[in-house]
C-alpha atoms as a PDB file:
ATOM      1  CA  MET A   1       0.000   0.000   0.000  1.00  0.00           C
ATOM      2  CA  TYR A   2       1.347   3.404  -0.985  1.00  0.00           C
ATOM      3  CA  ARG A   3       1.541   5.878   1.882  1.00  0.00           C
ATOM      4  CA  ARG A   4       2.294   9.496   1.202  1.00  0.00           C
ATOM      5  CA  ARG A   5       4.053  11.451   3.948  1.00  0.00           C
ATOM      6  CA  MET A   6       1.917  14.430   4.824  1.00  0.00           C
ATOM      7  CA  ARG A   7       3.673  17.630   5.743  1.00  0.00           C
ATOM      8  CA  GLY A   8       2.463  19.892   8.494  1.00  0.00           C
ATOM      9  CA  MET A   9       0.483  17.153  10.195  1.00  0.00           C
ATOM     10  CA  HIS A  10       3.030  16.485  12.929  1.00  0.00           C
ATOM     11  CA  ILE A  11       4.079  18.478  15.950  1.00  0.00           C
ATOM     12  CA  SER A  12       7.548  18.753  17.409  1.00  0.00           C
ATOM     13  CA  LYS A  13       8.643  16.702  20.413  1.00  0.00           C
ATOM     14  CA  ARG A  14       8.955  19.933  22.380  1.00  0.00           C
ATOM     15  CA  ALA A  15       5.392  20.947  21.565  1.00  0.00           C
ATOM     16  CA  LEU A  16       4.169  17.444  22.399  1.00  0.00           C
ATOM     17  CA  ARG A  17       5.868  17.559  25.788  1.00  0.00           C
ATOM     18  CA  LYS A  18       4.712  21.116  26.497  1.00  0.00           C
ATOM     19  CA  HIS A  19       1.055  20.608  25.612  1.00  0.00           C
ATOM     20  CA  PHE A  20       0.360  16.924  26.216  1.00  0.00           C
ATOM     21  CA  ASP A  21       2.587  15.919  29.122  1.00  0.00           C
ATOM     22  CA  PRO A  22       0.134  14.531  31.704  1.00  0.00           C
ATOM     23  CA  GLN A  23       2.459  15.617  34.519  1.00  0.00           C
ATOM     24  CA  GLN A  24       1.573  19.282  33.906  1.00  0.00           C
ATOM     25  CA  TYR A  25      -1.573  20.340  35.660  1.00  0.00           C
ATOM     26  CA  PHE A  26      -3.760  23.019  34.130  1.00  0.00           C
ATOM     27  CA  LEU A  27      -5.060  24.096  37.505  1.00  0.00           C
ATOM     28  CA  GLU A  28      -1.640  24.386  39.106  1.00  0.00           C
ATOM     29  CA  GLU A  29       0.513  25.660  36.267  1.00  0.00           C
ATOM     30  CA  ILE A  30      -1.653  27.327  33.642  1.00  0.00           C
ATOM     31  CA  PHE A  31      -4.777  28.782  35.206  1.00  0.00           C
ATOM     32  CA  GLU A  32      -4.271  32.315  36.427  1.00  0.00           C
ATOM     33  CA  PRO A  33      -7.212  34.121  37.959  1.00  0.00           C
ATOM     34  CA  ARG A  34      -7.579  37.423  36.132  1.00  0.00           C
ATOM     35  CA  CYS A  35     -10.099  38.965  38.495  1.00  0.00           C
ATOM     36  CA  TYR A  36     -12.383  38.176  41.369  1.00  0.00           C
ATOM     37  CA  ASN A  37     -15.492  37.748  39.228  1.00  0.00           C
ATOM     38  CA  ILE A  38     -17.102  34.356  38.866  1.00  0.00           C
ATOM     39  CA  CYS A  39     -15.233  32.099  36.433  1.00  0.00           C
ATOM     40  CA  ASP A  40     -17.153  29.221  34.847  1.00  0.00           C
ATOM     41  CA  MET A  41     -15.109  26.397  33.288  1.00  0.00           C
ATOM     42  CA  THR A  42     -16.549  23.571  31.225  1.00  0.00           C
ATOM     43  CA  TRP A  43     -14.318  20.541  30.816  1.00  0.00           C
ATOM     44  CA  TYR A  44     -14.867  17.738  28.343  1.00  0.00           C
ATOM     45  CA  LEU A  45     -12.795  14.796  29.556  1.00  0.00           C
ATOM     46  CA  SER A  46     -12.167  11.387  28.043  1.00  0.00           C
ATOM     47  CA  TYR A  47     -12.306   9.804  31.498  1.00  0.00           C
ATOM     48  CA  SER A  48     -13.689  10.834  34.856  1.00  0.00           C
ATOM     49  CA  PRO A  49     -10.987  12.122  37.197  1.00  0.00           C
ATOM     50  CA  CYS A  50      -9.210   9.565  39.385  1.00  0.00           C
ATOM     51  CA  TRP A  51      -9.152  10.079  43.154  1.00  0.00           C
ATOM     52  CA  LYS A  52      -5.813  11.903  43.021  1.00  0.00           C
ATOM     53  CA  CYS A  53      -7.098  14.310  40.362  1.00  0.00           C
ATOM     54  CA  CYS A  54     -10.291  14.862  42.352  1.00  0.00           C
ATOM     55  CA  ASP A  55      -8.126  15.853  45.317  1.00  0.00           C
ATOM     56  CA  VAL A  56      -6.154  18.309  43.157  1.00  0.00           C
ATOM     57  CA  ILE A  57      -9.365  19.838  41.803  1.00  0.00           C
ATOM     58  CA  ARG A  58     -10.852  20.117  45.294  1.00  0.00           C
ATOM     59  CA  ASP A  59      -7.682  21.774  46.660  1.00  0.00           C
ATOM     60  CA  PHE A  60      -7.674  24.215  43.758  1.00  0.00           C
ATOM     61  CA  LEU A  61     -11.303  25.145  44.368  1.00  0.00           C
ATOM     62  CA  GLU A  62     -10.627  25.775  48.043  1.00  0.00           C
ATOM     63  CA  GLU A  63      -8.161  28.473  46.954  1.00  0.00           C
ATOM     64  CA  GLN A  64     -10.222  29.764  44.001  1.00  0.00           C
ATOM     65  CA  THR A  65     -13.675  30.155  45.523  1.00  0.00           C
ATOM     66  CA  ASN A  66     -14.898  32.175  42.529  1.00  0.00           C
ATOM     67  CA  VAL A  67     -14.470  29.254  40.081  1.00  0.00           C
ATOM     68  CA  ASN A  68     -17.257  26.888  39.007  1.00  0.00           C
ATOM     69  CA  ILE A  69     -16.311  23.724  37.113  1.00  0.00           C
ATOM     70  CA  TYR A  70     -18.689  21.729  34.921  1.00  0.00           C
ATOM     71  CA  ILE A  71     -17.141  18.361  34.071  1.00  0.00           C
ATOM     72  CA  HIS A  72     -18.498  16.227  31.217  1.00  0.00           C
ATOM     73  CA  VAL A  73     -16.908  12.778  30.924  1.00  0.00           C
ATOM     74  CA  ALA A  74     -17.036  10.303  28.066  1.00  0.00           C
ATOM     75  CA  ARG A  75     -15.950   7.283  30.138  1.00  0.00           C
ATOM     76  CA  LEU A  76     -15.726   6.326  33.780  1.00  0.00           C
ATOM     77  CA  TYR A  77     -12.217   5.736  35.095  1.00  0.00           C
ATOM     78  CA  TYR A  78     -11.813   2.528  37.139  1.00  0.00           C
ATOM     79  CA  VAL A  79     -15.097   2.870  38.953  1.00  0.00           C
ATOM     80  CA  ASN A  80     -14.527  -0.556  40.531  1.00  0.00           C
ATOM     81  CA  HIS A  81     -11.933   1.219  42.683  1.00  0.00           C
ATOM     82  CA  PRO A  82     -13.722   2.505  45.819  1.00  0.00           C
ATOM     83  CA  ASN A  83     -11.354   5.493  46.188  1.00  0.00           C
ATOM     84  CA  ASN A  84     -12.289   6.753  42.720  1.00  0.00           C
ATOM     85  CA  CYS A  85     -16.011   6.509  43.501  1.00  0.00           C
ATOM     86  CA  ARG A  86     -15.626   8.181  46.890  1.00  0.00           C
ATOM     87  CA  ALA A  87     -13.556  11.015  45.413  1.00  0.00           C
ATOM     88  CA  LEU A  88     -16.067  11.601  42.599  1.00  0.00           C
ATOM     89  CA  ARG A  89     -18.891  11.830  45.157  1.00  0.00           C
ATOM     90  CA  GLU A  90     -16.925  14.223  47.345  1.00  0.00           C
ATOM     91  CA  LEU A  91     -15.979  16.406  44.390  1.00  0.00           C
ATOM     92  CA  ASN A  92     -19.520  16.457  43.025  1.00  0.00           C
ATOM     93  CA  SER A  93     -20.867  17.388  46.453  1.00  0.00           C
ATOM     94  CA  LEU A  94     -19.063  20.729  46.276  1.00  0.00           C
ATOM     95  CA  GLU A  95     -21.358  23.629  45.489  1.00  0.00           C
ATOM     96  CA  ASN A  96     -19.197  24.803  42.578  1.00  0.00           C
ATOM     97  CA  VAL A  97     -18.727  21.431  40.821  1.00  0.00           C
ATOM     98  CA  THR A  98     -21.021  19.515  38.495  1.00  0.00           C
ATOM     99  CA  ILE A  99     -19.989  16.129  37.087  1.00  0.00           C
ATOM    100  CA  GLU A 100     -22.031  14.511  34.337  1.00  0.00           C
ATOM    101  CA  ALA A 101     -21.553  11.788  31.765  1.00  0.00           C
ATOM    102  CA  MET A 102     -21.555  13.171  28.238  1.00  0.00           C
ATOM    103  CA  GLU A 103     -24.740  13.031  26.190  1.00  0.00           C
ATOM    104  CA  ALA A 104     -25.004  12.809  22.401  1.00  0.00           C
ATOM    105  CA  GLU A 105     -25.213  16.615  22.208  1.00  0.00           C
ATOM    106  CA  ASP A 106     -21.881  16.904  24.074  1.00  0.00           C
ATOM    107  CA  TYR A 107     -20.177  14.599  21.569  1.00  0.00           C
ATOM    108  CA  ASP A 108     -21.618  16.639  18.711  1.00  0.00           C
ATOM    109  CA  TYR A 109     -20.416  19.869  20.338  1.00  0.00           C
ATOM    110  CA  CYS A 110     -16.889  18.470  20.813  1.00  0.00           C
ATOM    111  CA  ARG A 111     -16.769  17.229  17.224  1.00  0.00           C
ATOM    112  CA  ASP A 112     -17.965  20.567  15.853  1.00  0.00           C
ATOM    113  CA  THR A 113     -15.707  22.614  18.133  1.00  0.00           C
ATOM    114  CA  PHE A 114     -12.450  20.681  18.307  1.00  0.00           C
ATOM    115  CA  ILE A 115     -12.160  18.939  14.913  1.00  0.00           C
ATOM    116  CA  GLN A 116     -10.510  20.991  12.203  1.00  0.00           C
ATOM    117  CA  ARG A 117     -13.014  22.512   9.770  1.00  0.00           C
ATOM    118  CA  GLY A 118     -13.194  20.836   6.396  1.00  0.00           C
ATOM    119  CA  VAL A 119     -11.974  17.477   7.719  1.00  0.00           C
ATOM    120  CA  HIS A 120     -14.433  14.679   7.110  1.00  0.00           C
ATOM    121  CA  CYS A 121     -15.291  13.123  10.452  1.00  0.00           C
ATOM    122  CA  ASP A 122     -17.701  10.216  10.304  1.00  0.00           C
ATOM    123  CA  PHE A 123     -18.410  10.269  14.018  1.00  0.00           C
ATOM    124  CA  SER A 124     -21.930   9.864  15.280  1.00  0.00           C
ATOM    125  CA  PRO A 125     -22.759   9.328  18.934  1.00  0.00           C
ATOM    126  CA  MET A 126     -25.947   7.617  17.810  1.00  0.00           C
ATOM    127  CA  ARG A 127     -23.782   4.554  17.091  1.00  0.00           C
ATOM    128  CA  PHE A 128     -23.023   4.168  20.792  1.00  0.00           C
ATOM    129  CA  GLN A 129     -26.135   5.638  22.379  1.00  0.00           C
ATOM    130  CA  SER A 130     -26.608   2.581  24.611  1.00  0.00           C
ATOM    131  CA  GLU A 131     -23.097   2.995  26.053  1.00  0.00           C
ATOM    132  CA  ILE A 132     -23.732   6.701  26.636  1.00  0.00           C
ATOM    133  CA  GLN A 133     -26.874   5.846  28.583  1.00  0.00           C
ATOM    134  CA  ARG A 134     -25.077   3.103  30.531  1.00  0.00           C
ATOM    135  CA  ASN A 135     -22.351   5.588  31.563  1.00  0.00           C
ATOM    136  CA  ARG A 136     -24.932   8.167  32.623  1.00  0.00           C
ATOM    137  CA  VAL A 137     -26.794   5.672  34.822  1.00  0.00           C
ATOM    138  CA  LYS A 138     -23.565   4.273  36.307  1.00  0.00           C
ATOM    139  CA  LEU A 139     -22.251   7.759  37.140  1.00  0.00           C
ATOM    140  CA  GLU A 140     -25.573   8.792  38.685  1.00  0.00           C
ATOM    141  CA  ASP A 141     -25.480   5.646  40.831  1.00  0.00           C
ATOM    142  CA  ILE A 142     -21.919   6.386  41.925  1.00  0.00           C
ATOM    143  CA  LEU A 143     -22.700   9.997  42.784  1.00  0.00           C
ATOM    144  CA  GLN A 144     -25.705   8.880  44.830  1.00  0.00           C
ATOM    145  CA  ASP A 145     -23.661   6.053  46.405  1.00  0.00           C
ATOM    146  CA  LEU A 146     -25.969   3.402  44.934  1.00  0.00           C
ATOM    147  CA  HIS A 147     -23.329   1.374  43.090  1.00  0.00           C
ATOM    148  CA  LEU A 148     -22.324  -0.875  45.981  1.00  0.00           C
END
């Protein structure tokens, strides 16, 4: 099979490390409060935060009381692990945090917002609607402590 090398489709190692290194925390290293007004953040995450990440988010919010975070997750991260479930419940119980499993509209929004214009993307959340619903029910059960 003939494969043509595409130019401009790759990023440098430095850029990869700078922007995608999971050891860098947005909340600790990038976010800078600009004022004391209310700041609403909406996060679209591949996985729900683990217990360590929930602790980091909670600590951040204790310092930044003017920030509200709306977290939409596509998948649930190791929800068989009791610490992850406990931490999700504790984080969601904060007044300024909302955690939800993504719905079809969220997937459509992410596709329309984050995929380069003009690129054909045959991605339809309708193909995995049952999994979306399963994640929503499972997360609701976890947040209400009904999963055990």
